Amino acid sequence: MELFFLHQVSQIAENFRNGHTGQLSFIMVLLLLFTHAARIFTTLQETGDQYILAIFTLSTVFNITMVTQILYYWNATIDAQKKKE
């Protein structure tokens, strides 16, 4: 799971460096956000395992960050894709 965090952090940093999100799928990131938020709920209801809860909470925070970046860089991403073509 820690490797997943490394991927998320590197994606967030790359988006920030580029000033756009490239081909990052808004729908996929949004679905990951909802999935991890649901996992927080089920972990609280079923197990209460603090380690698993921390993992999904952190992952949800990173997904919120990526959704925010996609929305913030929306026009910049469109411009970057036009320049690439």
N, C-alpha and C. Protein backbone atom coordinates (compact mmCIF):
# COMPACT_ATOMS: atom_id res chain seq x y z
N MET A 1 0.82 -1.19 0.00
CA MET A 1 0.00 0.00 0.00
C MET A 1 0.86 1.25 0.00
N GLU A 2 2.01 1.18 0.62
CA GLU A 2 2.88 2.34 0.68
C GLU A 2 3.36 2.74 -0.72
N LEU A 3 3.50 1.78 -1.62
CA LEU A 3 3.89 2.10 -3.00
C LEU A 3 2.79 2.89 -3.70
N PHE A 4 1.54 2.62 -3.35
CA PHE A 4 0.44 3.38 -3.91
C PHE A 4 0.54 4.84 -3.49
N PHE A 5 0.92 5.08 -2.24
CA PHE A 5 1.10 6.45 -1.77
C PHE A 5 2.22 7.13 -2.54
N LEU A 6 3.28 6.42 -2.81
CA LEU A 6 4.39 6.98 -3.57
C LEU A 6 3.92 7.41 -4.95
N HIS A 7 3.09 6.59 -5.56
CA HIS A 7 2.54 6.94 -6.88
C HIS A 7 1.67 8.18 -6.78
N GLN A 8 0.80 8.25 -5.77
CA GLN A 8 -0.08 9.40 -5.63
C GLN A 8 0.70 10.69 -5.38
N VAL A 9 1.68 10.63 -4.49
CA VAL A 9 2.49 11.81 -4.18
C VAL A 9 3.28 12.26 -5.40
N SER A 10 3.84 11.31 -6.14
CA SER A 10 4.61 11.69 -7.33
C SER A 10 3.69 12.28 -8.40
N GLN A 11 2.45 11.78 -8.52
CA GLN A 11 1.49 12.33 -9.49
C GLN A 11 1.10 13.75 -9.10
N ILE A 12 0.86 13.98 -7.83
CA ILE A 12 0.51 15.33 -7.35
C ILE A 12 1.66 16.29 -7.61
N ALA A 13 2.88 15.86 -7.32
CA ALA A 13 4.05 16.72 -7.56
C ALA A 13 4.25 17.00 -9.04
N GLU A 14 4.06 15.98 -9.87
CA GLU A 14 4.21 16.16 -11.33
C GLU A 14 3.16 17.12 -11.88
N ASN A 15 1.94 17.01 -11.42
CA ASN A 15 0.89 17.94 -11.84
C ASN A 15 1.26 19.37 -11.47
N PHE A 16 1.76 19.55 -10.27
CA PHE A 16 2.16 20.88 -9.81
C PHE A 16 3.30 21.44 -10.65
N ARG A 17 4.32 20.60 -10.92
CA ARG A 17 5.46 21.04 -11.74
C ARG A 17 5.04 21.42 -13.15
N ASN A 18 4.16 20.60 -13.75
CA ASN A 18 3.74 20.85 -15.13
C ASN A 18 2.74 21.98 -15.25
N GLY A 19 2.00 22.25 -14.20
CA GLY A 19 0.97 23.28 -14.28
C GLY A 19 -0.28 22.79 -14.99
N HIS A 20 -0.39 21.49 -15.20
CA HIS A 20 -1.58 20.86 -15.76
C HIS A 20 -1.56 19.39 -15.38
N THR A 21 -2.67 18.70 -15.64
CA THR A 21 -2.78 17.31 -15.21
C THR A 21 -2.60 16.31 -16.34
N GLY A 22 -2.35 16.78 -17.55
CA GLY A 22 -2.10 15.87 -18.66
C GLY A 22 -3.29 14.98 -18.94
N GLN A 23 -3.05 13.67 -19.05
CA GLN A 23 -4.11 12.74 -19.41
C GLN A 23 -4.75 12.08 -18.19
N LEU A 24 -4.55 12.65 -17.03
CA LEU A 24 -5.14 12.10 -15.81
C LEU A 24 -6.67 12.14 -15.93
N SER A 25 -7.31 11.00 -15.71
CA SER A 25 -8.75 10.87 -15.88
C SER A 25 -9.49 11.37 -14.65
N PHE A 26 -10.32 12.37 -14.86
CA PHE A 26 -11.12 12.93 -13.77
C PHE A 26 -12.06 11.87 -13.19
N ILE A 27 -12.70 11.10 -14.06
CA ILE A 27 -13.64 10.08 -13.60
C ILE A 27 -12.94 9.03 -12.75
N MET A 28 -11.77 8.59 -13.20
CA MET A 28 -11.04 7.56 -12.45
C MET A 28 -10.62 8.07 -11.06
N VAL A 29 -10.11 9.27 -11.00
CA VAL A 29 -9.70 9.83 -9.71
C VAL A 29 -10.92 10.03 -8.80
N LEU A 30 -12.02 10.46 -9.38
CA LEU A 30 -13.24 10.64 -8.60
C LEU A 30 -13.76 9.30 -8.07
N LEU A 31 -13.71 8.26 -8.89
CA LEU A 31 -14.12 6.93 -8.44
C LEU A 31 -13.20 6.40 -7.34
N LEU A 32 -11.90 6.64 -7.47
CA LEU A 32 -10.97 6.25 -6.41
C LEU A 32 -11.29 6.98 -5.11
N LEU A 33 -11.61 8.25 -5.23
CA LEU A 33 -11.97 9.05 -4.05
C LEU A 33 -13.19 8.46 -3.35
N PHE A 34 -14.24 8.16 -4.12
CA PHE A 34 -15.45 7.59 -3.53
C PHE A 34 -15.19 6.20 -2.94
N THR A 35 -14.37 5.41 -3.63
CA THR A 35 -14.06 4.07 -3.16
C THR A 35 -13.32 4.11 -1.82
N HIS A 36 -12.31 4.96 -1.73
CA HIS A 36 -11.54 5.04 -0.49
C HIS A 36 -12.35 5.67 0.64
N ALA A 37 -13.23 6.60 0.30
CA ALA A 37 -14.12 7.16 1.33
C ALA A 37 -15.06 6.08 1.86
N ALA A 38 -15.55 5.24 0.97
CA ALA A 38 -16.42 4.13 1.39
C ALA A 38 -15.64 3.14 2.26
N ARG A 39 -14.37 2.93 1.93
CA ARG A 39 -13.55 2.01 2.72
C ARG A 39 -13.31 2.56 4.13
N ILE A 40 -13.23 3.89 4.26
CA ILE A 40 -13.12 4.49 5.59
C ILE A 40 -14.37 4.15 6.40
N PHE A 41 -15.53 4.33 5.79
CA PHE A 41 -16.79 4.03 6.46
C PHE A 41 -16.88 2.57 6.87
N THR A 42 -16.57 1.66 5.94
CA THR A 42 -16.68 0.24 6.26
C THR A 42 -15.65 -0.19 7.30
N THR A 43 -14.46 0.41 7.26
CA THR A 43 -13.45 0.09 8.27
C THR A 43 -13.93 0.52 9.65
N LEU A 44 -14.51 1.70 9.74
CA LEU A 44 -15.05 2.17 11.02
C LEU A 44 -16.18 1.28 11.51
N GLN A 45 -17.05 0.85 10.61
CA GLN A 45 -18.21 0.05 10.99
C GLN A 45 -17.85 -1.40 11.33
N GLU A 46 -16.92 -1.97 10.58
CA GLU A 46 -16.65 -3.40 10.70
C GLU A 46 -15.48 -3.76 11.62
N THR A 47 -14.37 -3.06 11.46
CA THR A 47 -13.17 -3.49 12.19
C THR A 47 -12.64 -2.46 13.17
N GLY A 48 -12.61 -1.21 12.78
CA GLY A 48 -12.02 -0.19 13.61
C GLY A 48 -10.50 -0.25 13.63
N ASP A 49 -9.91 -1.01 12.72
CA ASP A 49 -8.45 -1.15 12.63
C ASP A 49 -7.82 0.21 12.30
N GLN A 50 -7.03 0.72 13.21
CA GLN A 50 -6.46 2.06 13.07
C GLN A 50 -5.45 2.16 11.92
N TYR A 51 -4.71 1.10 11.68
CA TYR A 51 -3.73 1.12 10.59
C TYR A 51 -4.44 1.22 9.23
N ILE A 52 -5.43 0.37 9.01
CA ILE A 52 -6.18 0.40 7.75
C ILE A 52 -6.91 1.73 7.61
N LEU A 53 -7.47 2.21 8.69
CA LEU A 53 -8.17 3.49 8.69
C LEU A 53 -7.22 4.62 8.29
N ALA A 54 -6.02 4.62 8.83
CA ALA A 54 -5.03 5.64 8.48
C ALA A 54 -4.64 5.57 7.01
N ILE A 55 -4.49 4.36 6.49
CA ILE A 55 -4.11 4.20 5.08
C ILE A 55 -5.20 4.78 4.17
N PHE A 56 -6.45 4.42 4.40
CA PHE A 56 -7.52 4.90 3.55
C PHE A 56 -7.81 6.38 3.75
N THR A 57 -7.59 6.89 4.95
CA THR A 57 -7.76 8.33 5.18
C THR A 57 -6.71 9.11 4.42
N LEU A 58 -5.46 8.68 4.50
CA LEU A 58 -4.39 9.35 3.77
C LEU A 58 -4.62 9.27 2.26
N SER A 59 -5.02 8.12 1.79
CA SER A 59 -5.30 7.96 0.38
C SER A 59 -6.45 8.86 -0.07
N THR A 60 -7.46 9.00 0.77
CA THR A 60 -8.58 9.89 0.45
C THR A 60 -8.12 11.34 0.37
N VAL A 61 -7.25 11.74 1.27
CA VAL A 61 -6.70 13.10 1.23
C VAL A 61 -5.93 13.33 -0.07
N PHE A 62 -5.12 12.35 -0.48
CA PHE A 62 -4.38 12.49 -1.74
C PHE A 62 -5.33 12.53 -2.94
N ASN A 63 -6.39 11.75 -2.90
CA ASN A 63 -7.36 11.77 -4.00
C ASN A 63 -8.11 13.10 -4.05
N ILE A 64 -8.43 13.66 -2.89
CA ILE A 64 -9.06 14.98 -2.85
C ILE A 64 -8.11 16.01 -3.47
N THR A 65 -6.84 15.89 -3.17
CA THR A 65 -5.84 16.79 -3.74
C THR A 65 -5.80 16.67 -5.26
N MET A 66 -5.83 15.44 -5.78
CA MET A 66 -5.79 15.25 -7.23
C MET A 66 -7.07 15.75 -7.91
N VAL A 67 -8.22 15.53 -7.28
CA VAL A 67 -9.47 16.06 -7.84
C VAL A 67 -9.41 17.58 -7.88
N THR A 68 -8.91 18.18 -6.82
CA THR A 68 -8.76 19.63 -6.77
C THR A 68 -7.82 20.12 -7.85
N GLN A 69 -6.71 19.43 -8.07
CA GLN A 69 -5.77 19.80 -9.12
C GLN A 69 -6.42 19.71 -10.50
N ILE A 70 -7.18 18.65 -10.74
CA ILE A 70 -7.83 18.50 -12.04
C ILE A 70 -8.78 19.67 -12.28
N LEU A 71 -9.56 20.04 -11.29
CA LEU A 71 -10.48 21.16 -11.45
C LEU A 71 -9.74 22.49 -11.58
N TYR A 72 -8.68 22.66 -10.80
CA TYR A 72 -7.92 23.91 -10.84
C TYR A 72 -7.19 24.08 -12.18
N TYR A 73 -6.60 23.00 -12.69
CA TYR A 73 -5.82 23.06 -13.92
C TYR A 73 -6.63 22.70 -15.16
N TRP A 74 -7.96 22.68 -15.07
CA TRP A 74 -8.80 22.22 -16.17
C TRP A 74 -8.46 22.91 -17.49
N ASN A 75 -8.45 24.25 -17.52
CA ASN A 75 -8.17 24.99 -18.76
C ASN A 75 -6.71 24.86 -19.18
N ALA A 76 -5.81 24.81 -18.22
CA ALA A 76 -4.39 24.65 -18.54
C ALA A 76 -4.14 23.30 -19.19
N THR A 77 -4.85 22.28 -18.76
CA THR A 77 -4.71 20.95 -19.34
C THR A 77 -5.20 20.93 -20.78
N ILE A 78 -6.33 21.58 -21.03
CA ILE A 78 -6.87 21.66 -22.40
C ILE A 78 -5.87 22.39 -23.29
N ASP A 79 -5.30 23.50 -22.82
CA ASP A 79 -4.30 24.24 -23.60
C ASP A 79 -3.05 23.41 -23.86
N ALA A 80 -2.59 22.67 -22.86
CA ALA A 80 -1.40 21.84 -23.01
C ALA A 80 -1.63 20.74 -24.02
N GLN A 81 -2.82 20.16 -24.03
CA GLN A 81 -3.13 19.10 -25.00
C GLN A 81 -3.23 19.65 -26.41
N LYS A 82 -3.74 20.88 -26.57
CA LYS A 82 -3.81 21.50 -27.89
C LYS A 82 -2.41 21.79 -28.42
N LYS A 83 -1.52 22.24 -27.56
CA LYS A 83 -0.14 22.53 -27.96
C LYS A 83 0.58 21.25 -28.37
N LYS A 84 0.27 20.17 -27.69
CA LYS A 84 0.92 18.87 -27.97
C LYS A 84 0.54 18.37 -29.36
N GLU A 85 -0.69 18.64 -29.78
CA GLU A 85 -1.16 18.20 -31.10
C GLU A 85 -0.58 19.09 -32.13
